[in-house]
Structure formats: C-alpha cells, structure tokens
Amino acid sequence: MANHKSAEKRIRQTAVRKVTNKYYARTMRNALKKIRNTTKKEEAAAMLPKITGMIDRLAKKNIIHKNKAANLKSSITKHVNSLS
C-alpha cells in the first residue's frame, strides 16, 4: 500500500483517469461499430468527420496511440469509400 501522501493522491488520480479513459474509448468503439454496420454511403459519409475528429482527440490525449488512430481512420475511410 502507499506510504506517502503523494502516492495516495496518485492512486486516486489514476483511478479517476481510468474511468474517464474507459468511457471515451468505449464511446469510440461503439461509434466505429455503428459506421462499420452502415450500408448507406450518405449516412456513413455524414458520420465520418465526427468519428475522425473523435479519434484525433483521443490520440491527442494519449487515450489511444497515434498509430492506432491512423489505422482506424484509414480503415473507416476505406470502408466508406467502398460503399455504393
């Protein structure tokens, strides 16, 4: 267990951050599932900028890695372009 006051605070901060990071990561995954299950190009094209922005923000805050963000954006853009 933590012996220093600063270590106890660090544990509290980490717990709070973990909860918020899980929330944002889960929200992103749900949005990705939604766009991948979309079959209409117009709907997917409308969702694409919002999801891309969400992914960029998460990468900027180090919730997901920047390379993972690039791979996700690439894959959903490819998916949207493949729809007819």
Protein backbone atom coordinates (compact mmCIF):
# COMPACT_ATOMS: atom_id res chain seq x y z
CA MET A 1 0.00 0.00 0.00
CA ALA A 2 1.06 3.61 -0.50
CA ASN A 3 3.22 5.07 2.25
CA HIS A 4 3.42 8.67 1.03
CA LYS A 5 0.71 11.24 0.75
CA SER A 6 1.69 11.95 -2.87
CA ALA A 7 1.47 8.23 -3.72
CA GLU A 8 -2.05 8.06 -2.26
CA LYS A 9 -3.06 11.06 -4.36
CA ARG A 10 -1.51 9.47 -7.44
CA ILE A 11 -3.62 6.34 -6.86
CA ARG A 12 -6.79 8.45 -6.61
CA GLN A 13 -5.93 10.40 -9.77
CA THR A 14 -5.15 7.22 -11.69
CA ALA A 15 -8.48 5.67 -10.71
CA VAL A 16 -10.42 8.72 -11.92
CA ARG A 17 -8.48 8.90 -15.18
CA LYS A 18 -9.00 5.19 -15.80
CA VAL A 19 -12.78 5.59 -15.59
CA THR A 20 -12.88 8.57 -17.97
CA ASN A 21 -10.47 6.96 -20.43
CA LYS A 22 -12.56 3.77 -20.48
CA TYR A 23 -15.68 5.84 -21.17
CA TYR A 24 -14.13 7.67 -24.14
CA ALA A 25 -12.55 4.51 -25.55
CA ARG A 26 -15.87 2.63 -25.30
CA THR A 27 -17.72 5.55 -26.95
CA MET A 28 -15.22 5.47 -29.82
CA ARG A 29 -15.59 1.70 -30.27
CA ASN A 30 -19.38 1.99 -30.36
CA ALA A 31 -19.15 4.74 -32.99
CA LEU A 32 -16.79 2.59 -35.07
CA LYS A 33 -19.20 -0.35 -34.89
CA LYS A 34 -22.04 1.92 -35.95
CA ILE A 35 -20.22 3.26 -39.02
CA ARG A 36 -18.96 -0.20 -40.00
CA ASN A 37 -22.50 -1.60 -39.86
CA THR A 38 -23.87 1.23 -42.00
CA THR A 39 -24.69 0.22 -45.57
CA LYS A 40 -25.79 3.63 -46.91
CA LYS A 41 -22.96 5.75 -48.24
CA GLU A 42 -24.66 9.08 -47.40
CA GLU A 43 -25.11 8.15 -43.74
CA ALA A 44 -21.55 6.85 -43.43
CA ALA A 45 -20.13 9.94 -45.15
CA ALA A 46 -22.01 12.15 -42.70
CA MET A 47 -20.67 10.20 -39.70
CA LEU A 48 -17.07 10.06 -40.96
CA PRO A 49 -15.91 13.60 -39.97
CA LYS A 50 -17.36 13.27 -36.45
CA ILE A 51 -15.72 9.92 -35.83
CA THR A 52 -12.43 11.08 -37.35
CA GLY A 53 -12.42 14.08 -35.03
CA MET A 54 -13.21 11.87 -32.05
CA ILE A 55 -10.31 9.55 -32.90
CA ASP A 56 -7.94 12.51 -33.32
CA ARG A 57 -8.91 13.93 -29.92
CA LEU A 58 -8.36 10.57 -28.22
CA ALA A 59 -4.94 10.23 -29.84
CA LYS A 60 -4.04 13.77 -28.79
CA LYS A 61 -4.94 12.97 -25.16
CA ASN A 62 -2.96 9.68 -25.34
CA ILE A 63 -6.05 7.57 -24.68
CA ILE A 64 -5.19 5.64 -27.84
CA HIS A 65 -1.85 5.53 -29.66
CA LYS A 66 -1.37 7.86 -32.63
CA ASN A 67 -0.58 4.94 -34.95
CA LYS A 68 -3.75 3.13 -33.86
CA ALA A 69 -5.68 6.30 -34.57
CA ALA A 70 -4.18 6.49 -38.06
CA ASN A 71 -5.03 2.83 -38.73
CA LEU A 72 -8.62 3.28 -37.53
CA LYS A 73 -9.15 6.41 -39.62
CA SER A 74 -7.69 4.68 -42.66
CA SER A 75 -9.88 1.62 -42.27
CA ILE A 76 -13.15 3.52 -41.79
CA THR A 77 -12.35 5.87 -44.68
CA LYS A 78 -11.68 2.85 -46.88
CA HIS A 79 -14.97 1.33 -45.72
CA VAL A 80 -16.95 4.49 -46.51
CA ASN A 81 -15.36 4.78 -49.95
CA SER A 82 -16.16 1.16 -50.74
CA LEU A 83 -19.90 1.66 -50.13
CA SER A 84 -22.07 2.25 -53.17
